Amino acid sequence: MVATLFATISLFLPPQGKIDASVLMWCAQLLILCATFLGVESYVNVIKNMRG
């Protein structure tokens, strides 16, 4: 919910400068965490098992 709000707000703000690598890494880690909570890894394993 909060991430959606931040993303929506950021669409209306002008760029403030360079994005630091640590911020990109933090966002990537949050996406991995969310994917883990949603069970994406389990879903991928089910598909692999179905193929062979």
C-alpha atoms as a PDB file:
ATOM      1  CA  MET A   1       0.000   0.000   0.000  1.00  0.00           C
ATOM      2  CA  VAL A   2       2.708   2.458   0.984  1.00  0.00           C
ATOM      3  CA  ALA A   3       4.884   1.482  -2.000  1.00  0.00           C
ATOM      4  CA  THR A   4       1.972   2.162  -4.342  1.00  0.00           C
ATOM      5  CA  LEU A   5       1.468   5.562  -2.754  1.00  0.00           C
ATOM      6  CA  PHE A   6       5.179   6.428  -3.116  1.00  0.00           C
ATOM      7  CA  ALA A   7       5.204   5.270  -6.735  1.00  0.00           C
ATOM      8  CA  THR A   8       2.152   7.377  -7.545  1.00  0.00           C
ATOM      9  CA  ILE A   9       3.578  10.467  -5.870  1.00  0.00           C
ATOM     10  CA  SER A  10       6.937  10.031  -7.597  1.00  0.00           C
ATOM     11  CA  LEU A  11       5.250  10.176 -11.014  1.00  0.00           C
ATOM     12  CA  PHE A  12       4.320  13.804 -10.355  1.00  0.00           C
ATOM     13  CA  LEU A  13       7.672  14.969  -8.919  1.00  0.00           C
ATOM     14  CA  PRO A  14      10.548  16.172 -11.079  1.00  0.00           C
ATOM     15  CA  PRO A  15      13.844  14.217 -10.868  1.00  0.00           C
ATOM     16  CA  GLN A  16      16.019  15.450  -8.014  1.00  0.00           C
ATOM     17  CA  GLY A  17      19.346  14.020  -9.152  1.00  0.00           C
ATOM     18  CA  LYS A  18      21.276  10.795  -9.456  1.00  0.00           C
ATOM     19  CA  ILE A  19      19.908   7.619  -7.854  1.00  0.00           C
ATOM     20  CA  ASP A  20      22.536   6.100  -5.593  1.00  0.00           C
ATOM     21  CA  ALA A  21      23.435   2.429  -6.054  1.00  0.00           C
ATOM     22  CA  SER A  22      22.514   1.695  -2.438  1.00  0.00           C
ATOM     23  CA  VAL A  23      18.942   2.874  -3.089  1.00  0.00           C
ATOM     24  CA  LEU A  24      18.668   0.606  -6.124  1.00  0.00           C
ATOM     25  CA  MET A  25      20.000  -2.328  -4.097  1.00  0.00           C
ATOM     26  CA  TRP A  26      17.522  -1.591  -1.302  1.00  0.00           C
ATOM     27  CA  CYS A  27      14.631  -1.577  -3.790  1.00  0.00           C
ATOM     28  CA  ALA A  28      15.828  -4.841  -5.334  1.00  0.00           C
ATOM     29  CA  GLN A  29      16.008  -6.492  -1.916  1.00  0.00           C
ATOM     30  CA  LEU A  30      12.484  -5.322  -1.085  1.00  0.00           C
ATOM     31  CA  LEU A  31      11.183  -6.780  -4.352  1.00  0.00           C
ATOM     32  CA  ILE A  32      12.863 -10.113  -3.554  1.00  0.00           C
ATOM     33  CA  LEU A  33      11.344 -10.050  -0.069  1.00  0.00           C
ATOM     34  CA  CYS A  34       7.870  -9.346  -1.459  1.00  0.00           C
ATOM     35  CA  ALA A  35       8.247 -12.109  -4.032  1.00  0.00           C
ATOM     36  CA  THR A  36       9.234 -14.513  -1.263  1.00  0.00           C
ATOM     37  CA  PHE A  37       6.177 -13.572   0.776  1.00  0.00           C
ATOM     38  CA  LEU A  38       3.913 -14.039  -2.223  1.00  0.00           C
ATOM     39  CA  GLY A  39       5.316 -17.471  -2.945  1.00  0.00           C
ATOM     40  CA  VAL A  40       6.766 -16.750  -6.365  1.00  0.00           C
ATOM     41  CA  GLU A  41       9.576 -19.211  -5.749  1.00  0.00           C
ATOM     42  CA  SER A  42       7.096 -21.970  -4.995  1.00  0.00           C
ATOM     43  CA  TYR A  43       5.159 -21.138  -8.135  1.00  0.00           C
ATOM     44  CA  VAL A  44       8.325 -21.387 -10.254  1.00  0.00           C
ATOM     45  CA  ASN A  45       9.112 -24.774  -8.703  1.00  0.00           C
ATOM     46  CA  VAL A  46       5.610 -26.044  -9.565  1.00  0.00           C
ATOM     47  CA  ILE A  47       6.091 -25.028 -13.186  1.00  0.00           C
ATOM     48  CA  LYS A  48       9.494 -26.738 -13.329  1.00  0.00           C
ATOM     49  CA  ASN A  49       8.011 -29.933 -11.884  1.00  0.00           C
ATOM     50  CA  MET A  50       5.225 -29.884 -14.472  1.00  0.00           C
ATOM     51  CA  ARG A  51       7.676 -29.664 -17.369  1.00  0.00           C
ATOM     52  CA  GLY A  52       9.645 -32.692 -16.420  1.00  0.00           C
END
